[in-house]
């Protein structure tokens, strides 16, 4: 059989009822998001973009593909192809084994000590090697991209970057199932960042968008999930997102000791930031501020040390009030205000052990 024919076999629709085609977990998830008796649905099982492109319809209404994304070589390109073939508002259902589920599977498969060794080796090979330039080519030559380790936040973030919104996801025993709705065209991010140093888009002086450099504390593509996390979990004390699953374990350590913010010194040297000033915010977080306050805030250069560490606000309203107070004082006595806020912040940080997260 030819390669093309073998690929085509994956995409053939079947009259077999989904209860006989998929396991009960998959069936329950599909039926909780789609009416399989009335909705127009294409069922495929493929890891190849070719098979998505070959669907014989102008625009696919709803697509279910339960081949694991762990075996897709170019995940973003795959999502972009799905997006291009789907009608706006259509639902895309897929699945993958998350990094967390993979860890649990490995740790339960071996005695304790052996399991720890196997997991570390698996993490290095399946998670680290695909991201490092000098091992990347070798890794993909050997594995062809099969059975990769994929964090939950990375897959959901990739979906959002490719023009989908997250409707639902469910972590079952072995796999995580998701439903995403097409709402726009993909962003086509040709330069995604995977390394430890990242450049985050932030609203700077006069509303200019600047790159603020930090050490990575979240999984790749997590930045695309900020609005979703806010809608699902809102914010907690100090203005941070509650139950933020995007943050890695080592990221929590970096944040605890402010190590993730050390690269921001480069922004200070460049002049993008000053030593003391309002916090540089993402577009989404910036848009949570009242519109009039947004315009006022643009008049001030952001800083490395925000007013937060002086007033230690707990709610969004208190954060607004804290920044307003700083700006009013800065307008009257700019240098004196920054000096006062600088030393008060150091006192709260090192003596009172203040934290922003």
Protein backbone atom coordinates (compact mmCIF):
# COMPACT_ATOMS: atom_id res chain seq x y z
CA UNK A 1 0.00 0.00 0.00
CA UNK A 2 1.28 3.47 -0.88
CA UNK A 3 2.10 6.08 1.75
CA UNK A 4 -0.75 8.28 0.51
CA UNK A 5 -3.22 5.41 0.70
CA UNK A 6 -2.13 4.50 4.22
CA UNK A 7 -2.57 8.09 5.30
CA UNK A 8 -6.01 8.25 3.72
CA UNK A 9 -7.14 5.21 5.68
CA UNK A 10 -6.74 7.19 8.89
CA UNK A 11 -9.23 9.81 7.84
CA UNK A 12 -12.02 7.62 6.49
CA UNK A 13 -15.30 8.25 8.32
CA UNK A 14 -17.09 5.23 9.66
CA UNK A 15 -20.70 4.27 10.28
CA UNK A 16 -19.63 2.41 13.42
CA UNK A 17 -21.34 3.97 16.49
CA UNK A 18 -18.94 6.02 18.61
CA UNK A 19 -19.75 3.81 21.62
CA UNK A 20 -18.04 0.96 19.72
CA UNK A 21 -15.28 3.12 18.24
CA UNK A 22 -14.01 4.81 21.42
CA UNK A 23 -13.69 3.97 25.10
CA UNK A 24 -16.32 5.14 27.57
CA UNK A 25 -14.24 8.11 28.79
CA UNK A 26 -13.89 9.46 25.27
CA UNK A 27 -17.56 8.88 24.46
CA UNK A 28 -18.71 10.66 27.62
CA UNK A 29 -16.51 13.66 26.84
CA UNK A 30 -17.60 13.90 23.19
CA UNK A 31 -21.28 13.63 24.09
CA UNK A 32 -20.92 16.27 26.81
CA UNK A 33 -19.77 18.77 24.15
CA UNK A 34 -21.54 17.66 20.96
CA UNK A 35 -24.90 16.14 20.12
CA UNK A 36 -23.73 13.15 18.12
CA UNK A 37 -27.24 12.46 16.82
CA UNK A 38 -27.76 15.86 15.18
CA UNK A 39 -24.49 17.80 14.94
CA UNK A 40 -22.42 17.64 11.75
CA UNK A 41 -19.24 15.91 12.90
CA UNK A 42 -16.18 14.59 11.09
CA UNK A 43 -14.52 11.75 13.02
CA UNK A 44 -10.88 11.18 12.10
CA UNK A 45 -7.88 9.48 13.66
CA UNK A 46 -4.71 10.99 12.29
CA UNK A 47 -1.44 12.68 13.17
CA UNK A 48 -0.94 14.03 9.64
CA UNK A 49 -2.01 17.43 8.31
CA UNK A 50 -2.50 15.84 4.89
CA UNK A 51 -5.52 13.95 6.18
CA UNK A 52 -7.15 17.07 7.56
CA UNK A 53 -6.61 18.90 4.29
CA UNK A 54 -8.14 16.02 2.34
CA UNK A 55 -11.54 16.19 4.04
CA UNK A 56 -14.08 16.51 1.22
CA UNK A 57 -15.97 19.54 2.54
CA UNK A 58 -15.76 23.30 2.03
CA UNK A 59 -15.66 23.94 5.75
CA UNK A 60 -15.74 21.34 8.51
CA UNK A 61 -18.42 22.11 11.10
CA UNK A 62 -17.07 20.00 13.95
CA UNK A 63 -14.00 17.75 14.08
CA UNK A 64 -13.15 14.92 16.46
CA UNK A 65 -9.62 13.53 16.23
CA UNK A 66 -8.64 11.14 19.00
CA UNK A 67 -5.13 10.29 17.86
CA UNK A 68 -2.80 11.48 20.64
CA UNK A 69 -1.16 14.81 20.01
CA UNK A 70 1.96 13.35 21.64
CA UNK A 71 2.66 11.69 18.27
CA UNK A 72 2.20 14.80 16.10
CA UNK A 73 5.54 16.12 14.82
CA UNK A 74 4.54 19.76 14.22
CA UNK A 75 1.69 20.48 16.62
CA UNK A 76 1.18 24.15 15.76
CA UNK A 77 1.14 23.42 12.03
CA UNK A 78 -1.38 20.66 12.71
CA UNK A 79 -3.62 23.07 14.68
CA UNK A 80 -3.24 25.74 11.97
CA UNK A 81 -4.41 23.23 9.36
CA UNK A 82 -7.40 22.24 11.48
CA UNK A 83 -8.23 25.93 11.87
CA UNK A 84 -8.03 26.56 8.11
CA UNK A 85 -10.38 23.66 7.34
CA UNK A 86 -13.00 24.52 9.97
CA UNK A 87 -15.90 26.95 9.89
CA UNK A 88 -15.90 29.79 12.42
CA UNK A 89 -17.63 28.64 15.59
CA UNK A 90 -16.89 24.98 14.88
CA UNK A 91 -15.69 22.69 17.67
CA UNK A 92 -12.47 20.71 17.62
CA UNK A 93 -12.11 17.80 20.05
CA UNK A 94 -8.76 16.08 20.61
CA UNK A 95 -6.67 14.37 23.25
CA UNK A 96 -3.13 13.93 24.58
CA UNK A 97 -1.26 12.48 27.51
CA UNK A 98 -0.19 15.40 29.69
CA UNK A 99 3.23 15.64 31.29
CA UNK A 100 1.58 15.16 34.66
CA UNK A 101 -0.26 12.03 33.54
CA UNK A 102 2.94 10.71 31.99
CA UNK A 103 4.79 11.19 35.28
CA UNK A 104 2.10 9.36 37.21
CA UNK A 105 2.12 6.50 34.71
CA UNK A 106 5.90 6.06 34.93
CA UNK A 107 6.03 6.31 38.73
CA UNK A 108 3.31 3.68 39.07
CA UNK A 109 4.99 1.28 36.64
CA UNK A 110 8.20 0.58 38.60
CA UNK A 111 9.49 0.19 42.15
CA UNK A 112 10.17 3.57 43.80
CA UNK A 113 13.91 4.01 43.17
CA UNK A 114 13.79 2.62 39.64
CA UNK A 115 10.74 4.78 38.88
CA UNK A 116 12.59 7.94 39.92
CA UNK A 117 15.53 7.11 37.67
CA UNK A 118 13.30 6.22 34.71
CA UNK A 119 11.27 9.40 35.14
CA UNK A 120 14.35 11.65 35.23
CA UNK A 121 15.79 10.00 32.11
CA UNK A 122 12.42 10.19 30.36
CA UNK A 123 12.05 13.87 31.26
CA UNK A 124 15.50 14.69 29.87
CA UNK A 125 14.95 12.73 26.65
CA UNK A 126 11.30 13.53 25.96
CA UNK A 127 11.03 17.03 27.41
CA UNK A 128 14.46 18.67 27.43
CA UNK A 129 16.15 17.29 24.31
CA UNK A 130 13.42 18.48 21.88
CA UNK A 131 13.97 22.04 23.12
CA UNK A 132 17.77 22.29 23.00
CA UNK A 133 19.26 23.25 19.65
CA UNK A 134 22.21 20.86 19.66
CA UNK A 135 20.03 17.82 20.62
CA UNK A 136 16.85 18.78 18.78
CA UNK A 137 17.75 17.39 15.35
CA UNK A 138 19.06 14.12 16.79
CA UNK A 139 15.93 13.70 18.92
CA UNK A 140 13.53 14.14 16.01
CA UNK A 141 15.65 11.96 13.71
CA UNK A 142 15.41 9.13 16.24
CA UNK A 143 11.80 9.54 17.41
CA UNK A 144 10.15 11.36 14.48
CA UNK A 145 8.43 13.38 17.20
CA UNK A 146 6.46 10.42 18.56
CA UNK A 147 5.48 10.05 22.22
CA UNK A 148 6.54 13.54 23.33
CA UNK A 149 5.98 14.86 26.84
CA UNK A 150 3.41 17.68 26.67
CA UNK A 151 2.35 19.94 29.57
CA UNK A 152 -1.34 20.78 29.79
CA UNK A 153 -0.75 24.54 29.62
CA UNK A 154 1.44 24.20 26.51
CA UNK A 155 -1.26 22.38 24.52
CA UNK A 156 -4.04 24.74 25.62
CA UNK A 157 -1.79 27.73 24.89
CA UNK A 158 -0.92 26.39 21.45
CA UNK A 159 -4.64 26.04 20.68
CA UNK A 160 -5.30 29.66 21.65
CA UNK A 161 -2.32 30.87 19.60
CA UNK A 162 -3.77 28.99 16.62
CA UNK A 163 -7.12 30.77 16.71
CA UNK A 164 -9.17 28.65 19.12
CA UNK A 165 -10.77 29.38 22.47
CA UNK A 166 -10.82 26.70 25.16
CA UNK A 167 -14.36 25.44 25.75
CA UNK A 168 -13.66 22.47 28.00
CA UNK A 169 -11.00 20.00 29.03
CA UNK A 170 -11.05 16.94 31.24
CA UNK A 171 -8.13 14.98 32.68
CA UNK A 172 -9.03 11.29 32.73
CA UNK A 173 -6.94 8.37 33.96
CA UNK A 174 -4.72 8.08 30.89
CA UNK A 175 -5.51 11.02 28.63
CA UNK A 176 -6.61 14.63 28.70
CA UNK A 177 -9.48 15.48 26.36
CA UNK A 178 -10.17 19.02 25.18
CA UNK A 179 -12.78 20.94 23.22
CA UNK A 180 -11.77 24.14 21.44
CA UNK A 181 -13.86 26.52 19.32
CA UNK A 182 -12.50 28.32 16.24
CA UNK A 183 -12.90 32.07 16.80
CA UNK A 184 -10.20 33.62 14.61
CA UNK A 185 -7.30 32.89 12.30
CA UNK A 186 -4.00 31.64 13.81
CA UNK A 187 -1.33 34.11 14.95
CA UNK A 188 1.40 32.09 13.16
CA UNK A 189 4.05 32.58 15.83
CA UNK A 190 7.22 31.79 13.88
CA UNK A 191 9.54 32.49 16.81
CA UNK A 192 8.14 30.78 19.90
CA UNK A 193 10.41 30.84 22.94
CA UNK A 194 11.30 27.61 24.73
CA UNK A 195 14.50 28.62 26.52
CA UNK A 196 15.00 29.86 30.08
CA UNK A 197 15.13 33.53 29.01
CA UNK A 198 11.90 34.97 27.62
CA UNK A 199 10.73 38.34 26.31
CA UNK A 200 7.22 39.26 27.44
CA UNK A 201 5.13 41.92 25.73
CA UNK A 202 4.26 44.64 28.24
CA UNK A 203 2.58 48.05 28.09
CA UNK A 204 5.28 50.68 28.59
CA UNK A 205 5.62 54.44 28.66
CA UNK A 206 3.05 56.25 26.47
CA UNK A 207 1.39 52.91 25.73
CA UNK A 208 4.33 51.58 23.74
CA UNK A 209 4.59 47.79 23.77
CA UNK A 210 8.01 46.76 25.07
CA UNK A 211 9.81 43.45 25.55
CA UNK A 212 10.39 42.82 29.24
CA UNK A 213 12.97 40.10 29.90
CA UNK A 214 12.50 37.49 32.61
CA UNK A 215 13.54 33.95 33.43
CA UNK A 216 10.90 31.44 32.39
CA UNK A 217 8.62 30.32 35.22
CA UNK A 218 5.82 28.92 33.05
CA UNK A 219 5.55 26.29 30.35
CA UNK A 220 5.91 27.53 26.73
CA UNK A 221 2.78 29.14 25.22
CA UNK A 222 1.35 29.78 28.70
CA UNK A 223 1.20 33.51 27.96
CA UNK A 224 -1.66 32.85 25.53
CA UNK A 225 -3.79 31.50 28.40
CA UNK A 226 -3.85 34.62 30.57
CA UNK A 227 -7.39 35.63 29.63
CA UNK A 228 -8.62 32.03 29.98
CA UNK A 229 -7.04 31.69 33.44
CA UNK A 230 -8.62 34.97 34.51
CA UNK A 231 -12.07 33.91 33.29
CA UNK A 232 -11.82 30.52 35.02
CA UNK A 233 -10.10 31.45 38.28
CA UNK A 234 -10.24 35.25 38.66
CA UNK A 235 -7.53 36.86 40.81
CA UNK A 236 -6.59 36.32 44.44
CA UNK A 237 -4.81 38.34 47.10
CA UNK A 238 -2.12 40.58 45.65
CA UNK A 239 -3.60 40.55 42.15
CA UNK A 240 -2.18 37.16 41.14
CA UNK A 241 -4.23 34.54 39.30
CA UNK A 242 -5.66 31.85 41.53
CA UNK A 243 -4.72 28.19 40.92
CA UNK A 244 -2.42 29.05 38.03
CA UNK A 245 -1.42 25.65 36.61
CA UNK A 246 0.88 27.30 34.07
CA UNK A 247 3.66 27.82 36.64
CA UNK A 248 6.31 25.09 36.82
CA UNK A 249 7.70 23.76 40.10
CA UNK A 250 11.08 25.39 39.52
CA UNK A 251 9.24 28.52 38.45
CA UNK A 252 7.69 28.79 41.90
CA UNK A 253 11.17 28.74 43.42
CA UNK A 254 12.43 31.43 41.05
CA UNK A 255 9.45 33.63 41.86
CA UNK A 256 9.81 33.16 45.59
CA UNK A 257 13.30 34.68 45.54
CA UNK A 258 12.69 37.14 42.64
CA UNK A 259 15.31 35.38 40.55
CA UNK A 260 12.97 35.40 37.56
CA UNK A 261 13.09 39.23 37.52
CA UNK A 262 16.88 39.60 37.36
CA UNK A 263 16.92 39.94 33.53
CA UNK A 264 14.70 43.02 33.93
CA UNK A 265 17.85 44.87 34.94
CA UNK A 266 18.64 44.87 31.23
CA UNK A 267 15.39 46.79 30.63
CA UNK A 268 16.50 49.26 33.29
CA UNK A 269 19.86 49.78 31.57
CA UNK A 270 18.08 50.23 28.22
CA UNK A 271 15.76 52.84 29.69
CA UNK A 272 12.52 50.90 29.18
CA UNK A 273 12.03 50.81 32.95
CA UNK A 274 13.08 52.99 35.86
CA UNK A 275 14.04 51.76 39.30
CA UNK A 276 10.72 52.59 41.00
CA UNK A 277 7.44 52.82 39.12
CA UNK A 278 4.14 51.19 38.27
CA UNK A 279 4.39 47.54 37.32
CA UNK A 280 4.79 46.77 33.57
CA UNK A 281 1.58 44.93 32.68
CA UNK A 282 0.47 42.57 29.92
CA UNK A 283 -2.20 43.87 27.57
CA UNK A 284 -4.86 41.67 29.17
CA UNK A 285 -4.01 42.70 32.73
CA UNK A 286 -3.74 46.34 31.64
CA UNK A 287 -7.26 46.17 30.19
CA UNK A 288 -8.62 45.11 33.59
CA UNK A 289 -7.92 48.67 34.77
CA UNK A 290 -10.62 51.36 34.40
CA UNK A 291 -10.28 53.10 31.03
CA UNK A 292 -9.50 56.53 32.47
CA UNK A 293 -6.85 55.02 34.72
CA UNK A 294 -5.30 53.24 31.73
CA UNK A 295 -4.77 56.58 29.99
CA UNK A 296 -3.29 58.12 33.10
CA UNK A 297 -1.02 55.15 33.70
CA UNK A 298 0.50 55.46 30.20
CA UNK A 299 2.02 58.78 31.25
CA UNK A 300 4.35 57.04 33.72
CA UNK A 301 7.34 54.86 32.91
CA UNK A 302 7.03 51.42 34.54
CA UNK A 303 9.56 50.40 37.16
CA UNK A 304 11.45 47.45 38.57
CA UNK A 305 10.03 48.03 42.05
CA UNK A 306 6.28 48.75 42.01
CA UNK A 307 4.23 50.60 44.67
CA UNK A 308 2.82 47.20 45.63
CA UNK A 309 5.70 46.62 48.03
CA UNK A 310 4.91 49.80 49.97
CA UNK A 311 1.16 49.39 50.43
CA UNK A 312 0.87 45.59 50.10
CA UNK A 313 -2.63 45.70 48.53
CA UNK A 314 -4.76 42.55 48.55
CA UNK A 315 -7.53 43.30 46.03
CA UNK A 316 -7.60 44.81 42.54
CA UNK A 317 -9.28 47.93 43.94
CA UNK A 318 -6.51 48.29 46.51
CA UNK A 319 -3.90 47.87 43.76
CA UNK A 320 -5.55 50.68 41.76
CA UNK A 321 -5.59 52.89 44.88
CA UNK A 322 -1.94 52.09 45.65
CA UNK A 323 -0.79 53.08 42.15
CA UNK A 324 -2.93 56.24 42.16
CA UNK A 325 -1.38 57.31 45.44
CA UNK A 326 2.12 56.76 44.05
CA UNK A 327 1.38 58.72 40.88
CA UNK A 328 -0.10 61.65 42.80
CA UNK A 329 2.99 61.86 45.02
CA UNK A 330 5.32 61.41 42.06
CA UNK A 331 3.71 64.34 40.23
CA UNK A 332 4.52 66.65 43.16
CA UNK A 333 7.95 65.32 44.19
CA UNK A 334 9.27 62.78 41.65
CA UNK A 335 12.77 62.13 43.02
CA UNK A 336 11.79 62.27 46.68
CA UNK A 337 8.84 59.95 46.05
CA UNK A 338 10.99 57.33 44.30
CA UNK A 339 13.61 57.44 47.06
CA UNK A 340 10.94 57.04 49.74
CA UNK A 341 9.24 54.17 47.91
CA UNK A 342 12.57 52.47 47.22
CA UNK A 343 13.63 52.26 50.87
CA UNK A 344 10.13 51.47 52.14
CA UNK A 345 9.92 48.62 49.62
CA UNK A 346 13.29 47.21 50.71
CA UNK A 347 12.16 47.33 54.34
CA UNK A 348 8.93 45.45 53.59
CA UNK A 349 10.70 42.91 51.40
CA UNK A 350 13.63 42.05 53.64
CA UNK A 351 12.25 42.78 57.11
CA UNK A 352 8.54 42.07 56.75
CA UNK A 353 9.16 39.36 54.12
CA UNK A 354 6.62 40.87 51.72
CA UNK A 355 5.88 38.88 48.57
CA UNK A 356 3.93 39.69 45.42
CA UNK A 357 2.95 36.08 44.80
